[in-house]
């Protein structure tokens, strides 16, 4: 990770880090085109459950999950997500226990049309590693 990204992150700027050539190539495998008007007849829902360390616990249409930095993740899916809706929630991957409280932001991943950029925070707004659930309506 670049020093400028670390400095910007520490200053509270939440700009996404650049995408490497390898990440872009891996994300382009099995990419399905997006539509420009409304939900197509082939509309689908996808999901990913990701552990705090960035590993993919399970998912539907999820290809990979990566922890980029503290509280900063990307999840790559098998379809183009441009124009989709992203819904995220802090939570553990198992069926028992309780997650530490926190907040989550989700947005499309810059440079990867089938990727989602996620940041998780403590309740005080400080970047922190948190497990999460991500739903995509496409």
N, C-alpha and C. Protein backbone atom coordinates (compact mmCIF):
# COMPACT_ATOMS: atom_id res chain seq x y z
N UNK A 1 0.86 -1.17 0.00
CA UNK A 1 0.00 0.00 0.00
C UNK A 1 0.90 1.23 0.00
N UNK A 2 0.52 2.24 -0.74
CA UNK A 2 1.35 3.42 -0.88
C UNK A 2 1.31 4.27 0.38
N UNK A 3 2.40 5.03 0.60
CA UNK A 3 2.45 5.93 1.75
C UNK A 3 1.39 7.01 1.66
N UNK A 4 1.11 7.50 0.43
CA UNK A 4 0.10 8.55 0.29
C UNK A 4 -1.28 8.04 0.67
N UNK A 5 -1.58 6.78 0.35
CA UNK A 5 -2.89 6.24 0.74
C UNK A 5 -2.97 6.16 2.26
N UNK A 6 -1.86 5.71 2.92
CA UNK A 6 -1.86 5.64 4.38
C UNK A 6 -2.07 7.02 4.98
N UNK A 7 -1.39 8.03 4.46
CA UNK A 7 -1.52 9.38 5.00
C UNK A 7 -2.93 9.91 4.80
N UNK A 8 -3.52 9.67 3.63
CA UNK A 8 -4.89 10.12 3.37
C UNK A 8 -5.86 9.40 4.28
N UNK A 9 -5.67 8.10 4.47
CA UNK A 9 -6.55 7.34 5.35
C UNK A 9 -6.46 7.88 6.77
N UNK A 10 -5.24 8.11 7.24
CA UNK A 10 -5.05 8.62 8.60
C UNK A 10 -5.64 10.00 8.77
N UNK A 11 -5.74 10.77 7.68
CA UNK A 11 -6.31 12.12 7.74
C UNK A 11 -7.83 12.09 7.61
N UNK A 12 -8.42 10.90 7.49
CA UNK A 12 -9.87 10.78 7.40
C UNK A 12 -10.39 10.80 5.98
N UNK A 13 -9.52 10.79 4.98
CA UNK A 13 -9.95 10.75 3.59
C UNK A 13 -10.13 9.29 3.22
N UNK A 14 -11.28 8.94 2.67
CA UNK A 14 -11.57 7.53 2.41
C UNK A 14 -11.50 7.19 0.92
N UNK A 15 -10.51 7.71 0.23
CA UNK A 15 -10.33 7.40 -1.18
C UNK A 15 -9.85 5.95 -1.32
N UNK A 16 -10.30 5.29 -2.38
CA UNK A 16 -9.93 3.90 -2.61
C UNK A 16 -8.48 3.80 -3.09
N UNK A 17 -7.77 2.74 -2.68
CA UNK A 17 -6.42 2.54 -3.20
C UNK A 17 -6.48 2.11 -4.65
N UNK A 18 -5.40 2.32 -5.40
CA UNK A 18 -5.40 1.93 -6.81
C UNK A 18 -5.54 0.41 -6.98
N UNK A 19 -6.07 0.01 -8.12
CA UNK A 19 -6.25 -1.41 -8.46
C UNK A 19 -5.00 -1.85 -9.22
N UNK A 20 -4.45 -2.99 -8.81
CA UNK A 20 -3.28 -3.52 -9.51
C UNK A 20 -3.71 -4.20 -10.81
N UNK A 21 -2.76 -4.39 -11.70
CA UNK A 21 -3.04 -5.07 -12.97
C UNK A 21 -3.53 -6.49 -12.71
N UNK A 22 -2.94 -7.18 -11.74
CA UNK A 22 -3.36 -8.54 -11.41
C UNK A 22 -4.79 -8.57 -10.89
N UNK A 23 -5.16 -7.62 -10.01
CA UNK A 23 -6.53 -7.56 -9.50
C UNK A 23 -7.52 -7.34 -10.62
N UNK A 24 -7.19 -6.44 -11.54
CA UNK A 24 -8.08 -6.14 -12.67
C UNK A 24 -8.25 -7.38 -13.56
N UNK A 25 -7.15 -8.09 -13.82
CA UNK A 25 -7.23 -9.29 -14.66
C UNK A 25 -8.04 -10.39 -13.99
N UNK A 26 -7.83 -10.61 -12.70
CA UNK A 26 -8.57 -11.64 -11.98
C UNK A 26 -10.06 -11.31 -11.93
N UNK A 27 -10.40 -10.05 -11.78
CA UNK A 27 -11.80 -9.64 -11.68
C UNK A 27 -12.53 -9.76 -13.01
N UNK A 28 -11.81 -9.72 -14.12
CA UNK A 28 -12.46 -9.74 -15.42
C UNK A 28 -12.88 -11.14 -15.87
N UNK A 29 -12.47 -12.16 -15.13
CA UNK A 29 -12.83 -13.54 -15.48
C UNK A 29 -14.32 -13.75 -15.27
N UNK A 30 -15.00 -14.28 -16.26
CA UNK A 30 -16.43 -14.62 -16.20
C UNK A 30 -17.32 -13.43 -15.92
N UNK A 31 -16.97 -12.27 -16.45
CA UNK A 31 -17.74 -11.06 -16.24
C UNK A 31 -18.97 -11.04 -17.14
N UNK A 32 -20.14 -10.80 -16.56
CA UNK A 32 -21.40 -10.71 -17.30
C UNK A 32 -21.75 -9.23 -17.44
N UNK A 33 -22.13 -8.74 -18.65
CA UNK A 33 -22.40 -7.32 -18.85
C UNK A 33 -23.60 -6.82 -18.03
N UNK A 34 -23.55 -5.54 -17.68
CA UNK A 34 -24.66 -4.89 -16.97
C UNK A 34 -25.66 -4.35 -17.99
N UNK A 35 -26.86 -4.01 -17.52
CA UNK A 35 -27.86 -3.38 -18.38
C UNK A 35 -27.94 -1.90 -18.02
N UNK A 36 -28.55 -1.11 -18.89
CA UNK A 36 -28.64 0.33 -18.65
C UNK A 36 -30.03 0.79 -18.25
N UNK A 37 -31.04 -0.06 -18.38
CA UNK A 37 -32.40 0.40 -18.08
C UNK A 37 -33.17 -0.63 -17.27
N UNK A 38 -33.31 -0.35 -15.99
CA UNK A 38 -34.13 -1.20 -15.14
C UNK A 38 -33.56 -2.58 -14.91
N UNK A 39 -34.34 -3.39 -14.25
CA UNK A 39 -33.94 -4.75 -13.94
C UNK A 39 -34.25 -5.66 -15.12
N UNK A 40 -33.26 -6.38 -15.62
CA UNK A 40 -33.50 -7.29 -16.73
C UNK A 40 -34.24 -8.54 -16.26
N UNK A 41 -34.78 -9.32 -17.19
CA UNK A 41 -35.45 -10.57 -16.82
C UNK A 41 -34.52 -11.52 -16.08
N UNK A 42 -33.23 -11.32 -16.27
CA UNK A 42 -32.24 -12.19 -15.63
C UNK A 42 -31.71 -11.58 -14.33
N UNK A 43 -32.46 -10.64 -13.74
CA UNK A 43 -32.02 -10.00 -12.50
C UNK A 43 -31.68 -11.04 -11.44
N UNK A 44 -30.62 -10.75 -10.69
CA UNK A 44 -30.16 -11.70 -9.69
C UNK A 44 -29.78 -11.00 -8.40
N UNK A 45 -29.71 -11.78 -7.35
CA UNK A 45 -29.19 -11.32 -6.07
C UNK A 45 -27.93 -12.13 -5.77
N UNK A 46 -26.95 -11.46 -5.22
CA UNK A 46 -25.70 -12.10 -4.83
C UNK A 46 -25.43 -11.75 -3.38
N UNK A 47 -24.59 -12.54 -2.73
CA UNK A 47 -24.20 -12.17 -1.37
C UNK A 47 -22.82 -12.69 -1.05
N UNK A 48 -22.24 -12.09 -0.01
CA UNK A 48 -20.97 -12.55 0.53
C UNK A 48 -20.99 -12.34 2.04
N UNK A 49 -20.44 -13.29 2.75
CA UNK A 49 -20.21 -13.17 4.18
C UNK A 49 -18.70 -13.22 4.35
N UNK A 50 -18.15 -12.16 4.93
CA UNK A 50 -16.70 -11.99 4.99
C UNK A 50 -16.26 -11.86 6.44
N UNK A 51 -15.21 -12.60 6.78
CA UNK A 51 -14.63 -12.53 8.13
C UNK A 51 -13.81 -11.25 8.29
N UNK A 52 -13.56 -10.86 9.52
CA UNK A 52 -12.81 -9.63 9.80
C UNK A 52 -11.42 -9.63 9.17
N UNK A 53 -10.83 -10.81 8.97
CA UNK A 53 -9.50 -10.88 8.36
C UNK A 53 -9.55 -10.84 6.83
N UNK A 54 -10.76 -10.69 6.26
CA UNK A 54 -10.90 -10.55 4.82
C UNK A 54 -11.14 -11.84 4.07
N UNK A 55 -11.23 -12.96 4.76
CA UNK A 55 -11.49 -14.22 4.07
C UNK A 55 -12.99 -14.36 3.81
N UNK A 56 -13.29 -14.96 2.68
CA UNK A 56 -14.68 -15.19 2.28
C UNK A 56 -15.19 -16.43 3.02
N UNK A 57 -16.18 -16.24 3.90
CA UNK A 57 -16.74 -17.37 4.65
C UNK A 57 -17.70 -18.16 3.77
N UNK A 58 -18.53 -17.46 3.01
CA UNK A 58 -19.46 -18.10 2.08
C UNK A 58 -20.06 -17.01 1.21
N UNK A 59 -20.73 -17.43 0.15
CA UNK A 59 -21.36 -16.45 -0.71
C UNK A 59 -22.06 -17.10 -1.88
N UNK A 60 -22.77 -16.30 -2.61
CA UNK A 60 -23.41 -16.73 -3.85
C UNK A 60 -22.99 -15.74 -4.92
N UNK A 61 -22.24 -16.20 -5.91
CA UNK A 61 -21.71 -15.33 -6.95
C UNK A 61 -20.47 -14.59 -6.52
N UNK A 62 -20.02 -14.79 -5.29
CA UNK A 62 -18.80 -14.14 -4.79
C UNK A 62 -17.59 -14.94 -5.25
N UNK A 63 -16.63 -14.25 -5.87
CA UNK A 63 -15.44 -14.89 -6.37
C UNK A 63 -14.31 -14.83 -5.35
N UNK A 64 -14.16 -13.65 -4.71
CA UNK A 64 -13.08 -13.48 -3.74
C UNK A 64 -13.38 -12.32 -2.81
N UNK A 65 -12.71 -12.34 -1.67
CA UNK A 65 -12.74 -11.24 -0.71
C UNK A 65 -11.30 -10.98 -0.28
N UNK A 66 -10.96 -9.70 -0.12
CA UNK A 66 -9.60 -9.32 0.23
C UNK A 66 -9.63 -8.19 1.24
N UNK A 67 -8.82 -8.30 2.28
CA UNK A 67 -8.62 -7.20 3.22
C UNK A 67 -7.48 -6.36 2.66
N UNK A 68 -7.76 -5.10 2.33
CA UNK A 68 -6.77 -4.21 1.72
C UNK A 68 -5.95 -3.47 2.76
N UNK A 69 -6.57 -3.15 3.89
CA UNK A 69 -5.93 -2.43 5.00
C UNK A 69 -6.89 -2.55 6.18
N UNK A 70 -6.53 -1.99 7.31
CA UNK A 70 -7.41 -2.04 8.47
C UNK A 70 -8.80 -1.53 8.10
N UNK A 71 -9.81 -2.37 8.28
CA UNK A 71 -11.19 -1.98 8.02
C UNK A 71 -11.53 -1.71 6.57
N UNK A 72 -10.67 -2.10 5.65
CA UNK A 72 -10.86 -1.80 4.23
C UNK A 72 -10.78 -3.09 3.43
N UNK A 73 -11.82 -3.36 2.65
CA UNK A 73 -11.95 -4.63 1.95
C UNK A 73 -12.44 -4.43 0.52
N UNK A 74 -12.24 -5.45 -0.30
CA UNK A 74 -12.92 -5.52 -1.59
C UNK A 74 -13.48 -6.93 -1.74
N UNK A 75 -14.65 -7.00 -2.35
CA UNK A 75 -15.27 -8.29 -2.66
C UNK A 75 -15.56 -8.28 -4.15
N UNK A 76 -15.15 -9.34 -4.84
CA UNK A 76 -15.34 -9.46 -6.28
C UNK A 76 -16.38 -10.54 -6.54
N UNK A 77 -17.31 -10.22 -7.44
CA UNK A 77 -18.39 -11.13 -7.81
C UNK A 77 -18.23 -11.56 -9.26
N UNK A 78 -19.02 -12.52 -9.70
CA UNK A 78 -18.92 -13.08 -11.05
C UNK A 78 -19.66 -12.25 -12.10
N UNK A 79 -20.39 -11.21 -11.69
CA UNK A 79 -21.17 -10.40 -12.62
C UNK A 79 -20.79 -8.93 -12.51
N UNK A 80 -21.03 -8.21 -13.58
CA UNK A 80 -20.86 -6.76 -13.58
C UNK A 80 -21.90 -6.18 -12.63
N UNK A 81 -21.48 -5.38 -11.68
CA UNK A 81 -22.37 -4.83 -10.67
C UNK A 81 -22.69 -3.36 -10.89
N UNK A 82 -22.25 -2.82 -12.01
CA UNK A 82 -22.51 -1.42 -12.32
C UNK A 82 -24.02 -1.18 -12.31
N UNK A 83 -24.48 -0.23 -11.55
CA UNK A 83 -25.90 0.07 -11.47
C UNK A 83 -26.65 -0.80 -10.48
N UNK A 84 -25.95 -1.63 -9.73
CA UNK A 84 -26.60 -2.49 -8.73
C UNK A 84 -26.77 -1.73 -7.42
N UNK A 85 -27.51 -2.35 -6.50
CA UNK A 85 -27.65 -1.83 -5.15
C UNK A 85 -26.79 -2.68 -4.22
N UNK A 86 -26.08 -2.03 -3.31
CA UNK A 86 -25.20 -2.70 -2.36
C UNK A 86 -25.74 -2.48 -0.96
N UNK A 87 -25.87 -3.55 -0.19
CA UNK A 87 -26.36 -3.45 1.18
C UNK A 87 -25.37 -4.20 2.07
N UNK A 88 -24.85 -3.51 3.09
CA UNK A 88 -23.89 -4.13 3.99
C UNK A 88 -24.34 -4.05 5.43
N UNK A 89 -23.90 -5.03 6.21
CA UNK A 89 -24.22 -5.08 7.62
C UNK A 89 -23.06 -5.70 8.38
N UNK A 90 -22.69 -5.11 9.50
CA UNK A 90 -21.66 -5.68 10.36
C UNK A 90 -22.20 -6.98 10.95
N UNK A 91 -21.39 -8.04 10.98
CA UNK A 91 -21.85 -9.29 11.58
C UNK A 91 -20.81 -10.39 11.47
N UNK A 92 -20.90 -11.33 12.37
CA UNK A 92 -20.02 -12.49 12.36
C UNK A 92 -20.45 -13.47 11.27
N UNK A 93 -19.56 -14.36 10.88
CA UNK A 93 -19.89 -15.33 9.83
C UNK A 93 -20.57 -16.57 10.37
N UNK A 94 -20.48 -16.80 11.67
CA UNK A 94 -21.08 -17.99 12.26
C UNK A 94 -22.53 -17.79 12.66
N UNK A 95 -23.10 -18.83 13.25
CA UNK A 95 -24.51 -18.76 13.65
C UNK A 95 -24.67 -18.48 15.14
N UNK A 96 -23.57 -18.31 15.87
CA UNK A 96 -23.63 -17.98 17.29
C UNK A 96 -22.65 -16.85 17.59
N UNK A 97 -22.88 -16.19 18.71
CA UNK A 97 -21.99 -15.11 19.14
C UNK A 97 -22.56 -13.76 18.79
N UNK A 98 -21.82 -12.73 19.14
CA UNK A 98 -22.25 -11.36 18.85
C UNK A 98 -21.06 -10.57 18.33
N UNK A 99 -21.28 -9.81 17.30
CA UNK A 99 -20.23 -8.99 16.71
C UNK A 99 -20.03 -7.73 17.54
N UNK A 100 -18.82 -7.22 17.54
CA UNK A 100 -18.57 -5.91 18.13
C UNK A 100 -19.38 -4.89 17.34
N UNK A 101 -19.92 -3.86 17.99
CA UNK A 101 -20.71 -2.88 17.24
C UNK A 101 -19.83 -2.10 16.28
N UNK A 102 -20.47 -1.52 15.29
CA UNK A 102 -19.70 -0.73 14.34
C UNK A 102 -20.56 -0.22 13.22
N UNK A 103 -19.90 0.32 12.23
CA UNK A 103 -20.56 0.89 11.06
C UNK A 103 -19.89 0.35 9.81
N UNK A 104 -20.59 0.45 8.68
CA UNK A 104 -20.08 -0.07 7.41
C UNK A 104 -20.47 0.87 6.28
N UNK A 105 -19.58 1.02 5.31
CA UNK A 105 -19.90 1.74 4.08
C UNK A 105 -19.62 0.81 2.91
N UNK A 106 -20.45 0.88 1.87
CA UNK A 106 -20.28 0.04 0.68
C UNK A 106 -20.47 0.90 -0.57
N UNK A 107 -19.65 0.65 -1.57
CA UNK A 107 -19.73 1.37 -2.84
C UNK A 107 -19.06 0.49 -3.89
N UNK A 108 -19.35 0.73 -5.16
CA UNK A 108 -18.68 0.00 -6.22
C UNK A 108 -17.18 0.20 -6.15
N UNK A 109 -16.42 -0.81 -6.55
CA UNK A 109 -14.96 -0.75 -6.51
C UNK A 109 -14.45 -0.03 -7.75
N UNK A 110 -13.75 1.07 -7.57
CA UNK A 110 -13.18 1.83 -8.67
C UNK A 110 -12.25 0.94 -9.48
N UNK A 111 -12.50 0.85 -10.79
CA UNK A 111 -11.64 0.08 -11.68
C UNK A 111 -11.99 -1.39 -11.81
N UNK A 112 -12.95 -1.88 -11.00
CA UNK A 112 -13.37 -3.28 -11.09
C UNK A 112 -14.89 -3.30 -11.15
N UNK A 113 -15.49 -3.42 -12.35
CA UNK A 113 -16.95 -3.33 -12.48
C UNK A 113 -17.72 -4.44 -11.76
N UNK A 114 -17.05 -5.52 -11.39
CA UNK A 114 -17.72 -6.59 -10.65
C UNK A 114 -17.24 -6.65 -9.20
N UNK A 115 -16.73 -5.51 -8.71
CA UNK A 115 -16.22 -5.45 -7.35
C UNK A 115 -16.95 -4.45 -6.48
N UNK A 116 -16.87 -4.66 -5.17
CA UNK A 116 -17.46 -3.77 -4.18
C UNK A 116 -16.37 -3.38 -3.20
N UNK A 117 -16.34 -2.10 -2.83
CA UNK A 117 -15.37 -1.56 -1.87
C UNK A 117 -16.10 -1.35 -0.55
N UNK A 118 -15.56 -1.90 0.51
CA UNK A 118 -16.21 -1.86 1.82
C UNK A 118 -15.24 -1.30 2.85
N UNK A 119 -15.76 -0.46 3.74
CA UNK A 119 -14.98 -0.03 4.89
C UNK A 119 -15.82 -0.25 6.14
N UNK A 120 -15.17 -0.77 7.20
CA UNK A 120 -15.86 -1.00 8.47
C UNK A 120 -15.19 -0.16 9.55
N UNK A 121 -16.01 0.31 10.49
CA UNK A 121 -15.56 1.24 11.51
C UNK A 121 -16.07 0.84 12.88
N UNK A 122 -15.42 1.36 13.93
CA UNK A 122 -15.98 1.27 15.26
C UNK A 122 -17.16 2.23 15.33
N UNK A 123 -17.92 2.17 16.40
CA UNK A 123 -19.04 3.11 16.57
C UNK A 123 -18.55 4.54 16.70
N UNK A 124 -17.27 4.72 17.01
CA UNK A 124 -16.68 6.06 17.11
C UNK A 124 -16.18 6.57 15.77
N UNK A 125 -16.32 5.76 14.71
CA UNK A 125 -15.92 6.20 13.37
C UNK A 125 -14.47 5.93 13.01
N UNK A 126 -13.80 5.07 13.75
CA UNK A 126 -12.41 4.73 13.48
C UNK A 126 -12.38 3.43 12.67
N UNK A 127 -11.60 3.41 11.57
CA UNK A 127 -11.47 2.19 10.78
C UNK A 127 -11.07 1.02 11.68
N UNK A 128 -11.78 -0.10 11.56
CA UNK A 128 -11.51 -1.29 12.36
C UNK A 128 -11.94 -2.52 11.58
N UNK A 129 -11.22 -3.61 11.78
CA UNK A 129 -11.58 -4.87 11.12
C UNK A 129 -12.85 -5.42 11.74
N UNK A 130 -13.86 -5.62 10.92
CA UNK A 130 -15.14 -6.18 11.36
C UNK A 130 -15.62 -7.15 10.29
N UNK A 131 -16.18 -8.27 10.71
CA UNK A 131 -16.83 -9.17 9.77
C UNK A 131 -18.09 -8.49 9.26
N UNK A 132 -18.54 -8.89 8.06
CA UNK A 132 -19.73 -8.26 7.50
C UNK A 132 -20.45 -9.18 6.54
N UNK A 133 -21.70 -8.81 6.30
CA UNK A 133 -22.57 -9.48 5.32
C UNK A 133 -22.85 -8.44 4.24
N UNK A 134 -22.77 -8.87 2.99
CA UNK A 134 -22.95 -7.98 1.85
C UNK A 134 -23.98 -8.60 0.91
N UNK A 135 -25.00 -7.83 0.57
CA UNK A 135 -26.01 -8.29 -0.40
C UNK A 135 -25.99 -7.37 -1.61
N UNK A 136 -26.09 -7.96 -2.78
CA UNK A 136 -26.08 -7.21 -4.04
C UNK A 136 -27.38 -7.52 -4.77
N UNK A 137 -28.08 -6.49 -5.17
CA UNK A 137 -29.29 -6.64 -5.99
C UNK A 137 -28.95 -6.12 -7.36
N UNK A 138 -28.95 -7.02 -8.33
CA UNK A 138 -28.46 -6.66 -9.65
C UNK A 138 -29.44 -7.10 -10.73
